[in-house]
Amino acid sequence: MKISILIPAYNSEKEIYTCIRSLLEQTYHDYEVIVVDDGSTDRTGSRLDFYAKIYPELITVIHQENRGVSAARNAALKAAKGEFVLFLDSDDWMKRRTLETLAAAQARYEADVVICGNVNEGRVTTRRHVRRVLVPHKRTLMKMLMKDRQVRNYAWGKLIRRSLFDGLQFWEGRVFEDVQLIGQILLKADKTVIVPDTLVHYNTHRQNSLTYSLRPEILNDMLEAFEDQAGYITAYDPTLKREAQAMLRRVRLLIGGALLLHGRFQDPLMEQILPFSEAASAAEFRVRRNLY
């Protein structure tokens, strides 16, 4: 089973070696690496070309004008030749047995998607996301996704059958593209397996990491992405409406806090998110806003 590892890269000259090295050390050998240099202004592109020259049968580099991570991922998907794909960010890396572990789980359970855990680089502790292998019912899987715990709203950390992307692509020119798309992929999959292994090391220190920064200009995309997710999940199973509403309340509270933190008291988005719960909660939110 051939696996295509898809990497969007932008100004990653300091981190790209660690990423590529972790792929070269994999114990599973039927794979290819496709890296899309998204208009980098540093030496990322030249370094990638150097690696591709040394490993021409393994590494393919695509150069394009800067169009954002979604466009880079879409370009990588079009070039992928593997039956399965695995996304990885250019400043992240994988453990040596990552591909072997995921491929073994896929073969054993005949899965369309295999999900592993991740280690957040820069944090003291990492909590195991699941304690044993799970093959959840699709309804349970959607509940996990909306809680963003055992199943995270990220493209990386998932071995995905490439055909599941037929007719779908990542949002271009926007952020929170993972949130908007990943649930659709999981709904199309006949079987998803979650393994307890923490295999991907995610860099929480990247300058544009949404883990650390919710900028006002991205909050509209955030709200729309989660609203889209809630919409297609409840269309699949209307009994999940309560869980979807709870997810949207959490998102609107987070957006409201981010707007307050940046002093955007009169932002039109503030009024849009106010009906996140019952009237009493909305009134409490207005009181909190007036305190800042």
C-alpha atoms as a PDB file:
ATOM      1  CA  MET A   1       0.000   0.000   0.000  1.00  0.00           C
ATOM      2  CA  LYS A   2       1.590   3.244  -1.168  1.00  0.00           C
ATOM      3  CA  ILE A   3       1.278   6.288   1.103  1.00  0.00           C
ATOM      4  CA  SER A   4       1.698   9.887  -0.076  1.00  0.00           C
ATOM      5  CA  ILE A   5       3.004  12.254   2.586  1.00  0.00           C
ATOM      6  CA  LEU A   6       1.841  15.769   1.712  1.00  0.00           C
ATOM      7  CA  ILE A   7       3.638  18.793   3.142  1.00  0.00           C
ATOM      8  CA  PRO A   8       2.814  22.485   2.581  1.00  0.00           C
ATOM      9  CA  ALA A   9       5.913  24.591   3.234  1.00  0.00           C
ATOM     10  CA  TYR A  10       6.381  28.325   3.637  1.00  0.00           C
ATOM     11  CA  ASN A  11       9.550  29.952   5.015  1.00  0.00           C
ATOM     12  CA  SER A  12      10.543  26.809   6.888  1.00  0.00           C
ATOM     13  CA  GLU A  13      14.268  26.725   6.167  1.00  0.00           C
ATOM     14  CA  LYS A  14      15.127  26.237   9.858  1.00  0.00           C
ATOM     15  CA  GLU A  15      12.657  23.406  10.478  1.00  0.00           C
ATOM     16  CA  ILE A  16      12.346  21.553   7.171  1.00  0.00           C
ATOM     17  CA  TYR A  17      15.417  19.373   7.725  1.00  0.00           C
ATOM     18  CA  THR A  18      13.970  17.866  10.933  1.00  0.00           C
ATOM     19  CA  CYS A  19      10.704  17.175   9.121  1.00  0.00           C
ATOM     20  CA  ILE A  20      12.358  15.520   6.103  1.00  0.00           C
ATOM     21  CA  ARG A  21      14.800  13.553   8.248  1.00  0.00           C
ATOM     22  CA  SER A  22      11.926  12.007  10.226  1.00  0.00           C
ATOM     23  CA  LEU A  23      10.488  10.764   6.927  1.00  0.00           C
ATOM     24  CA  LEU A  24      13.770   9.321   5.705  1.00  0.00           C
ATOM     25  CA  GLU A  25      14.020   7.306   8.926  1.00  0.00           C
ATOM     26  CA  GLN A  26      10.620   5.603   8.552  1.00  0.00           C
ATOM     27  CA  THR A  27      10.563   1.827   8.988  1.00  0.00           C
ATOM     28  CA  TYR A  28       7.804   1.566   6.350  1.00  0.00           C
ATOM     29  CA  HIS A  29       9.176   2.032   2.833  1.00  0.00           C
ATOM     30  CA  ASP A  30       6.286   2.150   0.348  1.00  0.00           C
ATOM     31  CA  TYR A  31       5.715   5.884   0.360  1.00  0.00           C
ATOM     32  CA  GLU A  32       6.411   9.137  -1.441  1.00  0.00           C
ATOM     33  CA  VAL A  33       6.905  12.679  -0.161  1.00  0.00           C
ATOM     34  CA  ILE A  34       5.326  15.631  -1.963  1.00  0.00           C
ATOM     35  CA  VAL A  35       6.301  19.071  -0.669  1.00  0.00           C
ATOM     36  CA  VAL A  36       4.681  22.240  -1.991  1.00  0.00           C
ATOM     37  CA  ASP A  37       6.868  25.321  -1.587  1.00  0.00           C
ATOM     38  CA  ASP A  38       4.208  28.011  -1.259  1.00  0.00           C
ATOM     39  CA  GLY A  39       6.226  30.980  -2.492  1.00  0.00           C
ATOM     40  CA  SER A  40       8.797  30.978   0.309  1.00  0.00           C
ATOM     41  CA  THR A  41      11.047  34.039   0.491  1.00  0.00           C
ATOM     42  CA  ASP A  42      13.827  32.315   2.428  1.00  0.00           C
ATOM     43  CA  ARG A  43      15.916  29.246   1.445  1.00  0.00           C
ATOM     44  CA  THR A  44      13.110  26.728   1.920  1.00  0.00           C
ATOM     45  CA  GLY A  45      12.730  26.154  -1.822  1.00  0.00           C
ATOM     46  CA  SER A  46      16.433  25.627  -2.513  1.00  0.00           C
ATOM     47  CA  ARG A  47      16.798  23.249   0.411  1.00  0.00           C
ATOM     48  CA  LEU A  48      13.840  21.207  -0.787  1.00  0.00           C
ATOM     49  CA  ASP A  49      15.338  21.042  -4.282  1.00  0.00           C
ATOM     50  CA  PHE A  50      18.574  19.777  -2.728  1.00  0.00           C
ATOM     51  CA  TYR A  51      16.745  16.976  -0.885  1.00  0.00           C
ATOM     52  CA  ALA A  52      14.805  16.067  -4.037  1.00  0.00           C
ATOM     53  CA  LYS A  53      18.077  15.848  -5.997  1.00  0.00           C
ATOM     54  CA  ILE A  54      19.519  13.403  -3.453  1.00  0.00           C
ATOM     55  CA  TYR A  55      16.300  11.342  -3.205  1.00  0.00           C
ATOM     56  CA  PRO A  56      14.662  11.760  -6.631  1.00  0.00           C
ATOM     57  CA  GLU A  57      12.580   8.579  -6.353  1.00  0.00           C
ATOM     58  CA  LEU A  58      11.200   9.605  -2.965  1.00  0.00           C
ATOM     59  CA  ILE A  59      10.792  13.401  -2.816  1.00  0.00           C
ATOM     60  CA  THR A  60       8.869  15.592  -5.237  1.00  0.00           C
ATOM     61  CA  VAL A  61       8.924  19.380  -4.852  1.00  0.00           C
ATOM     62  CA  ILE A  62       6.264  21.661  -6.321  1.00  0.00           C
ATOM     63  CA  HIS A  63       6.963  25.398  -6.422  1.00  0.00           C
ATOM     64  CA  GLN A  64       4.065  27.838  -6.616  1.00  0.00           C
ATOM     65  CA  GLU A  65       3.304  31.466  -5.871  1.00  0.00           C
ATOM     66  CA  ASN A  66       2.215  32.166  -2.312  1.00  0.00           C
ATOM     67  CA  ARG A  67      -1.446  31.159  -2.154  1.00  0.00           C
ATOM     68  CA  GLY A  68      -1.755  29.812   1.390  1.00  0.00           C
ATOM     69  CA  VAL A  69      -1.721  26.423   3.084  1.00  0.00           C
ATOM     70  CA  SER A  70      -5.028  25.265   1.590  1.00  0.00           C
ATOM     71  CA  ALA A  71      -3.882  25.848  -1.985  1.00  0.00           C
ATOM     72  CA  ALA A  72      -0.608  24.078  -1.193  1.00  0.00           C
ATOM     73  CA  ARG A  73      -2.453  21.057   0.218  1.00  0.00           C
ATOM     74  CA  ASN A  74      -4.798  20.965  -2.774  1.00  0.00           C
ATOM     75  CA  ALA A  75      -1.820  21.029  -5.143  1.00  0.00           C
ATOM     76  CA  ALA A  76      -0.170  18.194  -3.215  1.00  0.00           C
ATOM     77  CA  LEU A  77      -3.377  16.145  -3.347  1.00  0.00           C
ATOM     78  CA  LYS A  78      -3.538  16.495  -7.138  1.00  0.00           C
ATOM     79  CA  ALA A  79       0.022  15.198  -7.443  1.00  0.00           C
ATOM     80  CA  ALA A  80      -0.359  12.322  -4.967  1.00  0.00           C
ATOM     81  CA  LYS A  81      -0.027   8.801  -6.356  1.00  0.00           C
ATOM     82  CA  GLY A  82      -0.624   6.847  -3.152  1.00  0.00           C
ATOM     83  CA  GLU A  83      -3.771   4.990  -2.227  1.00  0.00           C
ATOM     84  CA  PHE A  84      -3.593   6.779   1.129  1.00  0.00           C
ATOM     85  CA  VAL A  85      -2.388  10.264   2.064  1.00  0.00           C
ATOM     86  CA  LEU A  86      -0.932  11.674   5.265  1.00  0.00           C
ATOM     87  CA  PHE A  87      -0.594  15.426   5.818  1.00  0.00           C
ATOM     88  CA  LEU A  88       2.338  16.839   7.756  1.00  0.00           C
ATOM     89  CA  ASP A  89       3.270  20.465   8.414  1.00  0.00           C
ATOM     90  CA  SER A  90       6.789  21.511   7.454  1.00  0.00           C
ATOM     91  CA  ASP A  91       7.846  22.273  11.031  1.00  0.00           C
ATOM     92  CA  ASP A  92       6.450  19.034  12.481  1.00  0.00           C
ATOM     93  CA  TRP A  93       7.944  15.553  12.486  1.00  0.00           C
ATOM     94  CA  MET A  94       6.955  11.906  12.923  1.00  0.00           C
ATOM     95  CA  LYS A  95       8.296   9.012  14.956  1.00  0.00           C
ATOM     96  CA  ARG A  96      10.175   6.294  13.042  1.00  0.00           C
ATOM     97  CA  ARG A  97       7.360   3.733  13.199  1.00  0.00           C
ATOM     98  CA  THR A  98       4.534   6.130  12.306  1.00  0.00           C
ATOM     99  CA  LEU A  99       3.839   4.861   8.801  1.00  0.00           C
ATOM    100  CA  GLU A 100       4.348   1.250   9.840  1.00  0.00           C
ATOM    101  CA  THR A 101       1.910   1.596  12.740  1.00  0.00           C
ATOM    102  CA  LEU A 102      -0.765   3.361  10.703  1.00  0.00           C
ATOM    103  CA  ALA A 103      -0.440   1.016   7.726  1.00  0.00           C
ATOM    104  CA  ALA A 104      -0.696  -2.031   9.995  1.00  0.00           C
ATOM    105  CA  ALA A 105      -3.884  -0.692  11.601  1.00  0.00           C
ATOM    106  CA  GLN A 106      -5.349   0.101   8.187  1.00  0.00           C
ATOM    107  CA  ALA A 107      -4.664  -3.426   6.926  1.00  0.00           C
ATOM    108  CA  ARG A 108      -5.934  -5.143  10.055  1.00  0.00           C
ATOM    109  CA  TYR A 109      -9.248  -3.287  10.184  1.00  0.00           C
ATOM    110  CA  GLU A 110      -9.620  -2.493   6.454  1.00  0.00           C
ATOM    111  CA  ALA A 111     -10.059   1.143   7.452  1.00  0.00           C
ATOM    112  CA  ASP A 112     -10.533   4.207   5.281  1.00  0.00           C
ATOM    113  CA  VAL A 113      -9.050   6.490   7.951  1.00  0.00           C
ATOM    114  CA  VAL A 114      -6.588   5.760  10.749  1.00  0.00           C
ATOM    115  CA  ILE A 115      -6.135   8.420  13.432  1.00  0.00           C
ATOM    116  CA  CYS A 116      -3.185   8.648  15.824  1.00  0.00           C
ATOM    117  CA  GLY A 117      -2.326  10.939  18.713  1.00  0.00           C
ATOM    118  CA  ASN A 118       0.170  13.781  18.747  1.00  0.00           C
ATOM    119  CA  VAL A 119       2.785  15.279  21.014  1.00  0.00           C
ATOM    120  CA  ASN A 120       2.622  19.058  21.382  1.00  0.00           C
ATOM    121  CA  GLU A 121       6.213  20.242  21.211  1.00  0.00           C
ATOM    122  CA  GLY A 122       6.842  22.968  23.784  1.00  0.00           C
ATOM    123  CA  ARG A 123       4.432  21.664  26.408  1.00  0.00           C
ATOM    124  CA  VAL A 124       5.500  19.827  29.537  1.00  0.00           C
ATOM    125  CA  THR A 125       2.954  17.009  29.430  1.00  0.00           C
ATOM    126  CA  THR A 126       1.082  15.141  26.747  1.00  0.00           C
ATOM    127  CA  ARG A 127      -2.138  13.329  27.616  1.00  0.00           C
ATOM    128  CA  ARG A 128      -2.913  10.120  25.773  1.00  0.00           C
ATOM    129  CA  HIS A 129      -5.925  10.708  23.543  1.00  0.00           C
ATOM    130  CA  VAL A 130      -7.269   7.129  23.763  1.00  0.00           C
ATOM    131  CA  ARG A 131      -6.215   4.130  25.870  1.00  0.00           C
ATOM    132  CA  ARG A 132      -6.875   1.393  23.326  1.00  0.00           C
ATOM    133  CA  VAL A 133      -7.699   0.899  19.666  1.00  0.00           C
ATOM    134  CA  LEU A 134     -11.194   2.178  18.888  1.00  0.00           C
ATOM    135  CA  VAL A 135     -13.411   1.557  15.875  1.00  0.00           C
ATOM    136  CA  PRO A 136     -16.229   3.975  16.698  1.00  0.00           C
ATOM    137  CA  HIS A 137     -19.645   4.136  15.093  1.00  0.00           C
ATOM    138  CA  LYS A 138     -19.889   7.175  12.828  1.00  0.00           C
ATOM    139  CA  ARG A 139     -22.269   8.927  15.220  1.00  0.00           C
ATOM    140  CA  THR A 140     -19.790   8.476  18.084  1.00  0.00           C
ATOM    141  CA  LEU A 141     -16.994   9.654  15.806  1.00  0.00           C
ATOM    142  CA  MET A 142     -18.848  12.887  15.087  1.00  0.00           C
ATOM    143  CA  LYS A 143     -19.372  13.476  18.815  1.00  0.00           C
ATOM    144  CA  MET A 144     -15.630  12.995  19.364  1.00  0.00           C
ATOM    145  CA  LEU A 145     -14.830  15.432  16.570  1.00  0.00           C
ATOM    146  CA  MET A 146     -17.144  18.123  17.918  1.00  0.00           C
ATOM    147  CA  LYS A 147     -15.468  17.821  21.321  1.00  0.00           C
ATOM    148  CA  ASP A 148     -12.061  18.077  19.580  1.00  0.00           C
ATOM    149  CA  ARG A 149     -10.397  15.613  21.946  1.00  0.00           C
ATOM    150  CA  GLN A 150      -9.926  12.010  20.841  1.00  0.00           C
ATOM    151  CA  VAL A 151     -10.497  13.176  17.262  1.00  0.00           C
ATOM    152  CA  ARG A 152      -8.893  16.531  16.514  1.00  0.00           C
ATOM    153  CA  ASN A 153      -9.976  19.081  13.917  1.00  0.00           C
ATOM    154  CA  TYR A 154      -6.699  18.832  12.022  1.00  0.00           C
ATOM    155  CA  ALA A 155      -5.756  17.264   8.693  1.00  0.00           C
ATOM    156  CA  TRP A 156      -2.457  15.961  10.066  1.00  0.00           C
ATOM    157  CA  GLY A 157      -2.290  12.891  12.298  1.00  0.00           C
ATOM    158  CA  LYS A 158      -4.639  10.962  10.003  1.00  0.00           C
ATOM    159  CA  LEU A 159      -3.955   8.335   7.350  1.00  0.00           C
ATOM    160  CA  ILE A 160      -6.741   8.945   4.820  1.00  0.00           C
ATOM    161  CA  ARG A 161      -7.827   7.037   1.735  1.00  0.00           C
ATOM    162  CA  ARG A 162      -7.128   9.457  -1.099  1.00  0.00           C
ATOM    163  CA  SER A 163     -10.412   8.746  -2.897  1.00  0.00           C
ATOM    164  CA  LEU A 164     -12.311  10.302   0.031  1.00  0.00           C
ATOM    165  CA  PHE A 165     -11.151  13.701  -1.261  1.00  0.00           C
ATOM    166  CA  ASP A 166     -12.937  13.198  -4.600  1.00  0.00           C
ATOM    167  CA  GLY A 167     -15.251  16.182  -5.027  1.00  0.00           C
ATOM    168  CA  LEU A 168     -13.767  17.924  -1.964  1.00  0.00           C
ATOM    169  CA  GLN A 169     -10.897  20.298  -1.350  1.00  0.00           C
ATOM    170  CA  PHE A 170      -9.539  22.617   1.313  1.00  0.00           C
ATOM    171  CA  TRP A 171     -10.836  26.177   1.508  1.00  0.00           C
ATOM    172  CA  GLU A 172      -8.448  28.475  -0.355  1.00  0.00           C
ATOM    173  CA  GLY A 173      -7.622  31.947   0.876  1.00  0.00           C
ATOM    174  CA  ARG A 174      -9.121  31.219   4.282  1.00  0.00           C
ATOM    175  CA  VAL A 175      -8.184  29.633   7.587  1.00  0.00           C
ATOM    176  CA  PHE A 176      -9.785  26.915   9.725  1.00  0.00           C
ATOM    177  CA  GLU A 177      -9.873  24.915   6.522  1.00  0.00           C
ATOM    178  CA  ASP A 178      -9.292  21.702   8.490  1.00  0.00           C
ATOM    179  CA  VAL A 179     -12.419  22.263  10.577  1.00  0.00           C
ATOM    180  CA  GLN A 180     -14.548  22.879   7.519  1.00  0.00           C
ATOM    181  CA  LEU A 181     -13.335  19.760   5.675  1.00  0.00           C
ATOM    182  CA  ILE A 182     -12.239  16.992   8.029  1.00  0.00           C
ATOM    183  CA  GLY A 183     -15.720  16.085   9.253  1.00  0.00           C
ATOM    184  CA  GLN A 184     -16.884  15.640   5.657  1.00  0.00           C
ATOM    185  CA  ILE A 185     -14.009  13.231   5.049  1.00  0.00           C
ATOM    186  CA  LEU A 186     -14.868  11.220   8.160  1.00  0.00           C
ATOM    187  CA  LEU A 187     -18.531  11.044   7.157  1.00  0.00           C
ATOM    188  CA  LYS A 188     -17.561   9.645   3.746  1.00  0.00           C
ATOM    189  CA  ALA A 189     -15.349   6.968   5.310  1.00  0.00           C
ATOM    190  CA  ASP A 190     -16.920   3.557   5.830  1.00  0.00           C
ATOM    191  CA  LYS A 191     -14.615   2.758   8.745  1.00  0.00           C
ATOM    192  CA  THR A 192     -12.349   4.905  10.915  1.00  0.00           C
ATOM    193  CA  VAL A 193      -9.865   3.463  13.396  1.00  0.00           C
ATOM    194  CA  ILE A 194      -8.259   5.375  16.281  1.00  0.00           C
ATOM    195  CA  VAL A 195      -4.955   4.014  17.597  1.00  0.00           C
ATOM    196  CA  PRO A 196      -3.555   4.994  21.029  1.00  0.00           C
ATOM    197  CA  ASP A 197      -0.049   5.726  19.717  1.00  0.00           C
ATOM    198  CA  THR A 198       1.209   9.330  19.846  1.00  0.00           C
ATOM    199  CA  LEU A 199       3.177   9.513  16.621  1.00  0.00           C
ATOM    200  CA  VAL A 200       3.176  13.082  15.276  1.00  0.00           C
ATOM    201  CA  HIS A 201       5.127  15.876  16.966  1.00  0.00           C
ATOM    202  CA  TYR A 202       3.259  19.143  16.464  1.00  0.00           C
ATOM    203  CA  ASN A 203       5.135  22.419  16.835  1.00  0.00           C
ATOM    204  CA  THR A 204       3.108  24.804  19.016  1.00  0.00           C
ATOM    205  CA  HIS A 205       5.727  27.562  18.714  1.00  0.00           C
ATOM    206  CA  ARG A 206       5.189  28.412  15.040  1.00  0.00           C
ATOM    207  CA  GLN A 207       4.616  32.129  14.578  1.00  0.00           C
ATOM    208  CA  ASN A 208       1.269  31.681  12.866  1.00  0.00           C
ATOM    209  CA  SER A 209       0.030  28.952  15.191  1.00  0.00           C
ATOM    210  CA  LEU A 210      -3.670  29.306  15.904  1.00  0.00           C
ATOM    211  CA  THR A 211      -2.972  27.492  19.154  1.00  0.00           C
ATOM    212  CA  TYR A 212      -1.466  30.678  20.541  1.00  0.00           C
ATOM    213  CA  SER A 213      -3.124  33.476  18.555  1.00  0.00           C
ATOM    214  CA  LEU A 214      -6.731  34.167  17.623  1.00  0.00           C
ATOM    215  CA  ARG A 215      -6.437  37.291  15.517  1.00  0.00           C
ATOM    216  CA  PRO A 216      -9.635  39.278  14.864  1.00  0.00           C
ATOM    217  CA  GLU A 217      -9.240  38.983  11.081  1.00  0.00           C
ATOM    218  CA  ILE A 218      -9.549  35.191  11.188  1.00  0.00           C
ATOM    219  CA  LEU A 219     -12.561  34.950  13.484  1.00  0.00           C
ATOM    220  CA  ASN A 220     -15.155  35.127  10.713  1.00  0.00           C
ATOM    221  CA  ASP A 221     -13.530  32.127   9.061  1.00  0.00           C
ATOM    222  CA  MET A 222     -13.493  30.344  12.403  1.00  0.00           C
ATOM    223  CA  LEU A 223     -17.201  30.880  12.988  1.00  0.00           C
ATOM    224  CA  GLU A 224     -18.204  29.895   9.458  1.00  0.00           C
ATOM    225  CA  ALA A 225     -16.043  26.759   9.520  1.00  0.00           C
ATOM    226  CA  PHE A 226     -17.618  25.480  12.725  1.00  0.00           C
ATOM    227  CA  GLU A 227     -21.103  26.443  11.542  1.00  0.00           C
ATOM    228  CA  ASP A 228     -20.498  24.462   8.348  1.00  0.00           C
ATOM    229  CA  GLN A 229     -19.312  21.499  10.383  1.00  0.00           C
ATOM    230  CA  ALA A 230     -22.354  21.666  12.657  1.00  0.00           C
ATOM    231  CA  GLY A 231     -24.597  21.896   9.595  1.00  0.00           C
ATOM    232  CA  TYR A 232     -23.384  18.820   7.760  1.00  0.00           C
ATOM    233  CA  ILE A 233     -23.119  16.743  10.940  1.00  0.00           C
ATOM    234  CA  THR A 234     -26.716  17.468  11.948  1.00  0.00           C
ATOM    235  CA  ALA A 235     -27.814  16.843   8.358  1.00  0.00           C
ATOM    236  CA  TYR A 236     -26.235  13.388   8.704  1.00  0.00           C
ATOM    237  CA  ASP A 237     -27.785  12.771  12.140  1.00  0.00           C
ATOM    238  CA  PRO A 238     -30.361  15.260  13.488  1.00  0.00           C
ATOM    239  CA  THR A 239     -30.096  13.671  16.948  1.00  0.00           C
ATOM    240  CA  LEU A 240     -26.655  15.310  17.241  1.00  0.00           C
ATOM    241  CA  LYS A 241     -28.204  18.797  17.227  1.00  0.00           C
ATOM    242  CA  ARG A 242     -27.639  19.283  20.971  1.00  0.00           C
ATOM    243  CA  GLU A 243     -23.937  18.409  20.711  1.00  0.00           C
ATOM    244  CA  ALA A 244     -23.572  20.678  17.668  1.00  0.00           C
ATOM    245  CA  GLN A 245     -25.188  23.580  19.515  1.00  0.00           C
ATOM    246  CA  ALA A 246     -22.887  23.024  22.495  1.00  0.00           C
ATOM    247  CA  MET A 247     -19.888  23.114  20.165  1.00  0.00           C
ATOM    248  CA  LEU A 248     -21.055  26.375  18.600  1.00  0.00           C
ATOM    249  CA  ARG A 249     -21.591  27.933  22.047  1.00  0.00           C
ATOM    250  CA  ARG A 250     -17.985  27.129  22.964  1.00  0.00           C
ATOM    251  CA  VAL A 251     -16.743  28.590  19.689  1.00  0.00           C
ATOM    252  CA  ARG A 252     -18.777  31.787  20.074  1.00  0.00           C
ATOM    253  CA  LEU A 253     -17.529  32.269  23.614  1.00  0.00           C
ATOM    254  CA  LEU A 254     -13.960  31.868  22.384  1.00  0.00           C
ATOM    255  CA  ILE A 255     -14.556  34.355  19.572  1.00  0.00           C
ATOM    256  CA  GLY A 256     -16.163  36.813  21.975  1.00  0.00           C
ATOM    257  CA  GLY A 257     -13.203  36.551  24.327  1.00  0.00           C
ATOM    258  CA  ALA A 258     -10.771  37.132  21.476  1.00  0.00           C
ATOM    259  CA  LEU A 259     -12.676  40.232  20.321  1.00  0.00           C
ATOM    260  CA  LEU A 260     -12.704  41.622  23.870  1.00  0.00           C
ATOM    261  CA  LEU A 261      -9.007  40.934  24.268  1.00  0.00           C
ATOM    262  CA  HIS A 262      -8.283  42.957  21.144  1.00  0.00           C
ATOM    263  CA  GLY A 263     -10.649  45.785  22.146  1.00  0.00           C
ATOM    264  CA  ARG A 264     -13.062  45.078  19.292  1.00  0.00           C
ATOM    265  CA  PHE A 265     -16.167  45.943  21.309  1.00  0.00           C
ATOM    266  CA  GLN A 266     -18.097  47.282  18.313  1.00  0.00           C
ATOM    267  CA  ASP A 267     -17.054  44.589  15.863  1.00  0.00           C
ATOM    268  CA  PRO A 268     -20.121  43.424  13.841  1.00  0.00           C
ATOM    269  CA  LEU A 269     -19.127  39.858  14.649  1.00  0.00           C
ATOM    270  CA  MET A 270     -19.782  40.556  18.329  1.00  0.00           C
ATOM    271  CA  GLU A 271     -23.491  41.055  17.700  1.00  0.00           C
ATOM    272  CA  GLN A 272     -23.545  38.046  15.413  1.00  0.00           C
ATOM    273  CA  ILE A 273     -22.278  35.704  18.117  1.00  0.00           C
ATOM    274  CA  LEU A 274     -24.328  37.092  21.013  1.00  0.00           C
ATOM    275  CA  PRO A 275     -27.238  34.632  20.611  1.00  0.00           C
ATOM    276  CA  PHE A 276     -24.905  31.793  21.573  1.00  0.00           C
ATOM    277  CA  SER A 277     -27.188  30.587  24.387  1.00  0.00           C
ATOM    278  CA  GLU A 278     -30.284  31.473  26.346  1.00  0.00           C
ATOM    279  CA  ALA A 279     -31.143  35.101  27.093  1.00  0.00           C
ATOM    280  CA  ALA A 280     -29.632  34.995  30.572  1.00  0.00           C
ATOM    281  CA  SER A 281     -26.264  33.892  29.230  1.00  0.00           C
ATOM    282  CA  ALA A 282     -26.369  36.588  26.562  1.00  0.00           C
ATOM    283  CA  ALA A 283     -27.141  39.219  29.187  1.00  0.00           C
ATOM    284  CA  GLU A 284     -24.236  37.992  31.293  1.00  0.00           C
ATOM    285  CA  PHE A 285     -21.997  38.233  28.244  1.00  0.00           C
ATOM    286  CA  ARG A 286     -23.021  41.874  27.689  1.00  0.00           C
ATOM    287  CA  VAL A 287     -22.245  42.676  31.321  1.00  0.00           C
ATOM    288  CA  ARG A 288     -18.815  41.105  30.966  1.00  0.00           C
ATOM    289  CA  ARG A 289     -18.221  43.119  27.801  1.00  0.00           C
ATOM    290  CA  ASN A 290     -19.056  46.390  29.603  1.00  0.00           C
ATOM    291  CA  LEU A 291     -16.487  45.581  32.267  1.00  0.00           C
ATOM    292  CA  TYR A 292     -13.607  45.824  29.799  1.00  0.00           C
END
